[in-house]
Each structure stands twice: as structure tokens, then as C-alpha cells.
């Protein structure tokens, strides 16, 4: 089922109506595909192949884990993180990381200019940045910066059109602005 749904996503990315946001009635052009976390390797393979494929859109892939690592590199703390966790514990480490790995920091790393008419954003790596970043917070903050383009989210968990439930286990977070890819 996951492979068939990913093929549908590829087709949507090639559909000029989806890219232009036609028929959305002023709704945000955000689509979330919640997949079984056990299918993570299938999804990663799909993203890799998608990047090698010629599409009618200009695909911009944002892996949130890679962005997190870039933020840590800029802060020059990559080597210190294991020692920090060992010395202060995981909760203190999390609190320290959340001070600089903010929604705004992620958006700064994602921003680029100029935006093209055929740009499509694909957000991946969501499970890898939990609990540092939550996708509902990021999507809310992205609107002013990426409002003119479609955003596809590959989400390791459930999305029913109203709530996101990471890994199909964690407490659900409300997010109603995105279209549910069934």
C-alpha cells in the first residue's frame, strides 16, 4: 500500500493543477502522507529515487534531520553533544538543544531565493528530529516564507486530516491546514 501511495504522490508532483494549487479555495497547498513507521526504508528509497527522476516540478527536498545537523554544525557543538548528554543527562541536553534548534532556525536553513513557479517542497526526516522539532509547529511557521508553493510531508505516523500522531503512538497534535493524502 505504501508503494502505491508514494506513486500517487509522484503523480501529484507532476500534475500542473496540484503545483499551481488549483481548486484549493484559498486553502494552504500542504499535503501530508502518514505512513506506517515500519515502512521508513521504503519511503527513504522513494525519496532517493524521486530526486533522481525528472519531474515537471522543481523538487526541493528538506530532510529535517540533515537540517538539524547543519544547525548543530553552525553552533559548533557536534562533538560536544555526546559529552553533554553523558554529563548533564538527556533532559538537560534536550533543553539546551531546543534553545538553538528552534522553528526559526529550521526555517532559516530552508529558505532560498528566488522561489520558482514550479517549486515543490518535500519534507522528510520528521521522526529523526523528534522531540527537537514538531512538524505542526514548523508547518505553521513556514506559511509566510513558502506560501506560494505546494508542500508535501512524508510523516511516519498517522494523519487523519485533523491530528498528527507520530509513530502511531505519541499523543496526537492538532493540524487541520493540510490535505490528507489517503
C-alpha atoms as a PDB file:
ATOM      1  CA  UNK A   1       0.000   0.000   0.000  1.00  0.00           C
ATOM      2  CA  UNK A   2       2.808   2.441   0.839  1.00  0.00           C
ATOM      3  CA  UNK A   3       4.464   1.977  -2.544  1.00  0.00           C
ATOM      4  CA  UNK A   4       1.188   2.638  -4.369  1.00  0.00           C
ATOM      5  CA  UNK A   5       0.569   5.770  -2.285  1.00  0.00           C
ATOM      6  CA  UNK A   6       4.095   7.032  -2.991  1.00  0.00           C
ATOM      7  CA  UNK A   7       3.469   6.525  -6.711  1.00  0.00           C
ATOM      8  CA  UNK A   8       0.348   8.686  -6.318  1.00  0.00           C
ATOM      9  CA  UNK A   9       2.458  11.377  -4.653  1.00  0.00           C
ATOM     10  CA  UNK A  10       4.905  11.293  -7.564  1.00  0.00           C
ATOM     11  CA  UNK A  11       1.958  11.715  -9.951  1.00  0.00           C
ATOM     12  CA  UNK A  12       0.653  14.649  -7.909  1.00  0.00           C
ATOM     13  CA  UNK A  13       4.060  16.325  -8.155  1.00  0.00           C
ATOM     14  CA  UNK A  14       3.790  16.056 -11.928  1.00  0.00           C
ATOM     15  CA  UNK A  15       0.264  17.481 -12.022  1.00  0.00           C
ATOM     16  CA  UNK A  16       0.232  21.182 -13.003  1.00  0.00           C
ATOM     17  CA  UNK A  17      -3.076  21.652 -11.146  1.00  0.00           C
ATOM     18  CA  UNK A  18      -1.507  20.453  -7.891  1.00  0.00           C
ATOM     19  CA  UNK A  19       1.593  22.584  -8.392  1.00  0.00           C
ATOM     20  CA  UNK A  20      -0.483  25.702  -9.053  1.00  0.00           C
ATOM     21  CA  UNK A  21      -2.850  24.946  -6.168  1.00  0.00           C
ATOM     22  CA  UNK A  22      -5.860  24.982  -8.484  1.00  0.00           C
ATOM     23  CA  UNK A  23      -9.132  24.167  -6.775  1.00  0.00           C
ATOM     24  CA  UNK A  24      -7.938  24.691  -3.206  1.00  0.00           C
ATOM     25  CA  UNK A  25     -10.349  27.561  -2.442  1.00  0.00           C
ATOM     26  CA  UNK A  26      -7.629  29.621  -0.741  1.00  0.00           C
ATOM     27  CA  UNK A  27      -6.573  26.679   1.450  1.00  0.00           C
ATOM     28  CA  UNK A  28      -2.883  26.105   2.068  1.00  0.00           C
ATOM     29  CA  UNK A  29      -1.272  23.846  -0.525  1.00  0.00           C
ATOM     30  CA  UNK A  30       0.048  21.368   2.049  1.00  0.00           C
ATOM     31  CA  UNK A  31      -0.393  17.620   1.736  1.00  0.00           C
ATOM     32  CA  UNK A  32       0.583  15.117   4.408  1.00  0.00           C
ATOM     33  CA  UNK A  33       1.052  11.434   3.791  1.00  0.00           C
ATOM     34  CA  UNK A  34       1.101   9.461   7.036  1.00  0.00           C
ATOM     35  CA  UNK A  35       2.787   6.131   6.553  1.00  0.00           C
ATOM     36  CA  UNK A  36       3.476   3.153   8.780  1.00  0.00           C
ATOM     37  CA  UNK A  37       6.814   3.836  10.525  1.00  0.00           C
ATOM     38  CA  UNK A  38       7.837   0.281   9.657  1.00  0.00           C
ATOM     39  CA  UNK A  39       7.908   1.432   6.009  1.00  0.00           C
ATOM     40  CA  UNK A  40      10.633   4.025   6.672  1.00  0.00           C
ATOM     41  CA  UNK A  41      13.157   2.318   4.389  1.00  0.00           C
ATOM     42  CA  UNK A  42      10.616   2.179   1.543  1.00  0.00           C
ATOM     43  CA  UNK A  43       9.968   5.914   1.970  1.00  0.00           C
ATOM     44  CA  UNK A  44      13.689   6.750   2.070  1.00  0.00           C
ATOM     45  CA  UNK A  45      14.255   4.740  -1.103  1.00  0.00           C
ATOM     46  CA  UNK A  46      11.334   6.552  -2.753  1.00  0.00           C
ATOM     47  CA  UNK A  47      12.803   9.970  -1.861  1.00  0.00           C
ATOM     48  CA  UNK A  48      16.216   8.978  -3.216  1.00  0.00           C
ATOM     49  CA  UNK A  49      14.698   7.742  -6.488  1.00  0.00           C
ATOM     50  CA  UNK A  50      12.425  10.790  -6.692  1.00  0.00           C
ATOM     51  CA  UNK A  51      15.464  13.060  -6.553  1.00  0.00           C
ATOM     52  CA  UNK A  52      16.976  11.142  -9.463  1.00  0.00           C
ATOM     53  CA  UNK A  53      13.761  11.327 -11.526  1.00  0.00           C
ATOM     54  CA  UNK A  54      12.832  14.044 -13.983  1.00  0.00           C
ATOM     55  CA  UNK A  55       9.672  15.698 -12.736  1.00  0.00           C
ATOM     56  CA  UNK A  56       7.582  18.509 -14.176  1.00  0.00           C
ATOM     57  CA  UNK A  57       8.161  20.406 -10.917  1.00  0.00           C
ATOM     58  CA  UNK A  58      11.358  21.671  -9.321  1.00  0.00           C
ATOM     59  CA  UNK A  59      11.586  19.464  -6.253  1.00  0.00           C
ATOM     60  CA  UNK A  60      13.229  20.858  -3.123  1.00  0.00           C
ATOM     61  CA  UNK A  61      13.765  18.115  -0.526  1.00  0.00           C
ATOM     62  CA  UNK A  62      14.223  19.199   3.070  1.00  0.00           C
ATOM     63  CA  UNK A  63      15.321  16.391   5.364  1.00  0.00           C
ATOM     64  CA  UNK A  64      14.764  17.806   8.842  1.00  0.00           C
ATOM     65  CA  UNK A  65      17.473  15.631  10.371  1.00  0.00           C
ATOM     66  CA  UNK A  66      20.046  16.966   7.909  1.00  0.00           C
ATOM     67  CA  UNK A  67      18.882  20.499   8.703  1.00  0.00           C
ATOM     68  CA  UNK A  68      19.228  19.771  12.418  1.00  0.00           C
ATOM     69  CA  UNK A  69      22.809  18.604  11.844  1.00  0.00           C
ATOM     70  CA  UNK A  70      23.550  21.801   9.863  1.00  0.00           C
ATOM     71  CA  UNK A  71      22.246  23.881  12.757  1.00  0.00           C
ATOM     72  CA  UNK A  72      24.436  21.944  15.199  1.00  0.00           C
ATOM     73  CA  UNK A  73      27.464  22.373  12.908  1.00  0.00           C
ATOM     74  CA  UNK A  74      26.918  26.128  12.745  1.00  0.00           C
ATOM     75  CA  UNK A  75      26.785  26.209  16.553  1.00  0.00           C
ATOM     76  CA  UNK A  76      29.987  24.120  16.578  1.00  0.00           C
ATOM     77  CA  UNK A  77      28.596  21.664  19.113  1.00  0.00           C
ATOM     78  CA  UNK A  78      28.543  18.382  17.174  1.00  0.00           C
ATOM     79  CA  UNK A  79      31.447  16.849  19.094  1.00  0.00           C
ATOM     80  CA  UNK A  80      30.192  18.164  22.419  1.00  0.00           C
ATOM     81  CA  UNK A  81      26.716  16.621  22.227  1.00  0.00           C
ATOM     82  CA  UNK A  82      27.658  13.097  23.442  1.00  0.00           C
ATOM     83  CA  UNK A  83      29.707  14.505  26.340  1.00  0.00           C
ATOM     84  CA  UNK A  84      26.926  16.931  27.197  1.00  0.00           C
ATOM     85  CA  UNK A  85      24.359  14.127  27.322  1.00  0.00           C
ATOM     86  CA  UNK A  86      26.631  11.953  29.448  1.00  0.00           C
ATOM     87  CA  UNK A  87      27.450  14.784  31.846  1.00  0.00           C
ATOM     88  CA  UNK A  88      24.055  16.546  32.128  1.00  0.00           C
ATOM     89  CA  UNK A  89      21.617  13.825  31.089  1.00  0.00           C
ATOM     90  CA  UNK A  90      19.165  13.600  28.176  1.00  0.00           C
ATOM     91  CA  UNK A  91      16.608  16.067  29.555  1.00  0.00           C
ATOM     92  CA  UNK A  92      19.171  18.839  30.064  1.00  0.00           C
ATOM     93  CA  UNK A  93      20.615  18.120  26.618  1.00  0.00           C
ATOM     94  CA  UNK A  94      17.148  18.392  25.095  1.00  0.00           C
ATOM     95  CA  UNK A  95      16.549  21.709  26.856  1.00  0.00           C
ATOM     96  CA  UNK A  96      19.891  23.056  25.605  1.00  0.00           C
ATOM     97  CA  UNK A  97      19.279  21.922  22.028  1.00  0.00           C
ATOM     98  CA  UNK A  98      15.780  23.409  21.986  1.00  0.00           C
ATOM     99  CA  UNK A  99      17.301  26.805  22.759  1.00  0.00           C
ATOM    100  CA  UNK A 100      19.015  26.966  19.369  1.00  0.00           C
ATOM    101  CA  UNK A 101      17.266  24.338  17.205  1.00  0.00           C
ATOM    102  CA  UNK A 102      14.130  26.452  17.021  1.00  0.00           C
ATOM    103  CA  UNK A 103      11.447  26.627  14.358  1.00  0.00           C
ATOM    104  CA  UNK A 104      13.025  29.873  13.148  1.00  0.00           C
ATOM    105  CA  UNK A 105      16.451  28.216  12.892  1.00  0.00           C
ATOM    106  CA  UNK A 106      14.983  25.419  10.770  1.00  0.00           C
ATOM    107  CA  UNK A 107      13.227  27.919   8.510  1.00  0.00           C
ATOM    108  CA  UNK A 108      16.430  29.952   8.079  1.00  0.00           C
ATOM    109  CA  UNK A 109      18.181  26.796   6.870  1.00  0.00           C
ATOM    110  CA  UNK A 110      15.331  26.005   4.495  1.00  0.00           C
ATOM    111  CA  UNK A 111      14.979  29.453   2.938  1.00  0.00           C
ATOM    112  CA  UNK A 112      16.258  30.074  -0.540  1.00  0.00           C
ATOM    113  CA  UNK A 113      15.668  32.672  -3.217  1.00  0.00           C
ATOM    114  CA  UNK A 114      14.244  33.039  -5.738  1.00  0.00           C
ATOM    115  CA  UNK A 115      11.229  30.781  -5.466  1.00  0.00           C
ATOM    116  CA  UNK A 116      10.216  29.386  -8.833  1.00  0.00           C
ATOM    117  CA  UNK A 117       6.708  28.877 -10.191  1.00  0.00           C
ATOM    118  CA  UNK A 118       7.241  25.115 -10.322  1.00  0.00           C
ATOM    119  CA  UNK A 119       8.887  24.687  -6.903  1.00  0.00           C
ATOM    120  CA  UNK A 120       7.528  21.886  -4.736  1.00  0.00           C
ATOM    121  CA  UNK A 121       8.792  21.277  -1.199  1.00  0.00           C
ATOM    122  CA  UNK A 122       9.111  17.768   0.176  1.00  0.00           C
ATOM    123  CA  UNK A 123       9.703  17.484   3.920  1.00  0.00           C
ATOM    124  CA  UNK A 124      11.206  14.272   5.285  1.00  0.00           C
ATOM    125  CA  UNK A 125      13.152  13.163   8.358  1.00  0.00           C
ATOM    126  CA  UNK A 126      10.392  14.120  10.781  1.00  0.00           C
ATOM    127  CA  UNK A 127      10.781  11.145  13.085  1.00  0.00           C
ATOM    128  CA  UNK A 128      14.527  11.721  13.343  1.00  0.00           C
ATOM    129  CA  UNK A 129      14.163  15.229  14.799  1.00  0.00           C
ATOM    130  CA  UNK A 130      11.611  14.333  17.444  1.00  0.00           C
ATOM    131  CA  UNK A 131      11.460  15.745  20.137  1.00  0.00           C
ATOM    132  CA  UNK A 132      13.577  18.725  18.985  1.00  0.00           C
ATOM    133  CA  UNK A 133      11.104  19.744  16.293  1.00  0.00           C
ATOM    134  CA  UNK A 134       7.404  19.078  15.787  1.00  0.00           C
ATOM    135  CA  UNK A 135       6.017  19.203  12.260  1.00  0.00           C
ATOM    136  CA  UNK A 136       2.800  21.042  13.156  1.00  0.00           C
ATOM    137  CA  UNK A 137       4.867  23.900  14.613  1.00  0.00           C
ATOM    138  CA  UNK A 138       7.158  24.010  11.587  1.00  0.00           C
ATOM    139  CA  UNK A 139       4.292  23.995   9.068  1.00  0.00           C
ATOM    140  CA  UNK A 140       2.560  26.847  10.889  1.00  0.00           C
ATOM    141  CA  UNK A 141       5.741  28.916  10.854  1.00  0.00           C
ATOM    142  CA  UNK A 142       6.533  28.134   7.197  1.00  0.00           C
ATOM    143  CA  UNK A 143       3.412  29.805   5.799  1.00  0.00           C
ATOM    144  CA  UNK A 144       4.780  33.348   5.396  1.00  0.00           C
ATOM    145  CA  UNK A 145       8.018  32.054   3.844  1.00  0.00           C
ATOM    146  CA  UNK A 146       6.697  29.359   1.483  1.00  0.00           C
ATOM    147  CA  UNK A 147       3.072  30.314   0.889  1.00  0.00           C
ATOM    148  CA  UNK A 148       3.366  30.326  -2.886  1.00  0.00           C
ATOM    149  CA  UNK A 149       4.260  26.663  -3.349  1.00  0.00           C
ATOM    150  CA  UNK A 150       2.962  23.190  -2.581  1.00  0.00           C
ATOM    151  CA  UNK A 151       4.402  21.366   0.403  1.00  0.00           C
ATOM    152  CA  UNK A 152       4.360  17.584   0.698  1.00  0.00           C
ATOM    153  CA  UNK A 153       5.126  15.989   4.045  1.00  0.00           C
ATOM    154  CA  UNK A 154       6.115  12.339   4.454  1.00  0.00           C
ATOM    155  CA  UNK A 155       5.043  11.652   8.025  1.00  0.00           C
ATOM    156  CA  UNK A 156       5.987   8.483   9.946  1.00  0.00           C
ATOM    157  CA  UNK A 157       2.690   8.025  11.727  1.00  0.00           C
ATOM    158  CA  UNK A 158      -1.000   8.736  11.394  1.00  0.00           C
ATOM    159  CA  UNK A 159      -2.621  11.810   9.937  1.00  0.00           C
ATOM    160  CA  UNK A 160      -6.386  11.770   9.657  1.00  0.00           C
ATOM    161  CA  UNK A 161      -6.852  15.262   8.271  1.00  0.00           C
ATOM    162  CA  UNK A 162      -7.123  16.758  11.754  1.00  0.00           C
ATOM    163  CA  UNK A 163      -4.485  15.224  14.015  1.00  0.00           C
ATOM    164  CA  UNK A 164      -0.916  14.038  13.657  1.00  0.00           C
ATOM    165  CA  UNK A 165       0.181  11.048  15.711  1.00  0.00           C
ATOM    166  CA  UNK A 166       3.930  10.455  15.382  1.00  0.00           C
ATOM    167  CA  UNK A 167       4.985   6.796  15.129  1.00  0.00           C
ATOM    168  CA  UNK A 168       1.285   5.891  15.568  1.00  0.00           C
ATOM    169  CA  UNK A 169       1.942   6.032  19.316  1.00  0.00           C
ATOM    170  CA  UNK A 170       2.571   9.500  20.650  1.00  0.00           C
ATOM    171  CA  UNK A 171      -0.098  11.916  21.797  1.00  0.00           C
ATOM    172  CA  UNK A 172      -1.806  13.473  18.800  1.00  0.00           C
ATOM    173  CA  UNK A 173      -1.223  17.114  17.825  1.00  0.00           C
ATOM    174  CA  UNK A 174      -3.903  19.050  16.013  1.00  0.00           C
ATOM    175  CA  UNK A 175      -3.103  20.214  12.494  1.00  0.00           C
ATOM    176  CA  UNK A 176      -6.017  20.894  10.202  1.00  0.00           C
ATOM    177  CA  UNK A 177      -4.498  23.046   7.463  1.00  0.00           C
ATOM    178  CA  UNK A 178      -3.064  20.213   5.389  1.00  0.00           C
ATOM    179  CA  UNK A 179      -4.780  17.914   2.952  1.00  0.00           C
ATOM    180  CA  UNK A 180      -4.811  14.285   3.931  1.00  0.00           C
ATOM    181  CA  UNK A 181      -3.329  12.008   1.249  1.00  0.00           C
ATOM    182  CA  UNK A 182      -5.452   8.894   1.712  1.00  0.00           C
END
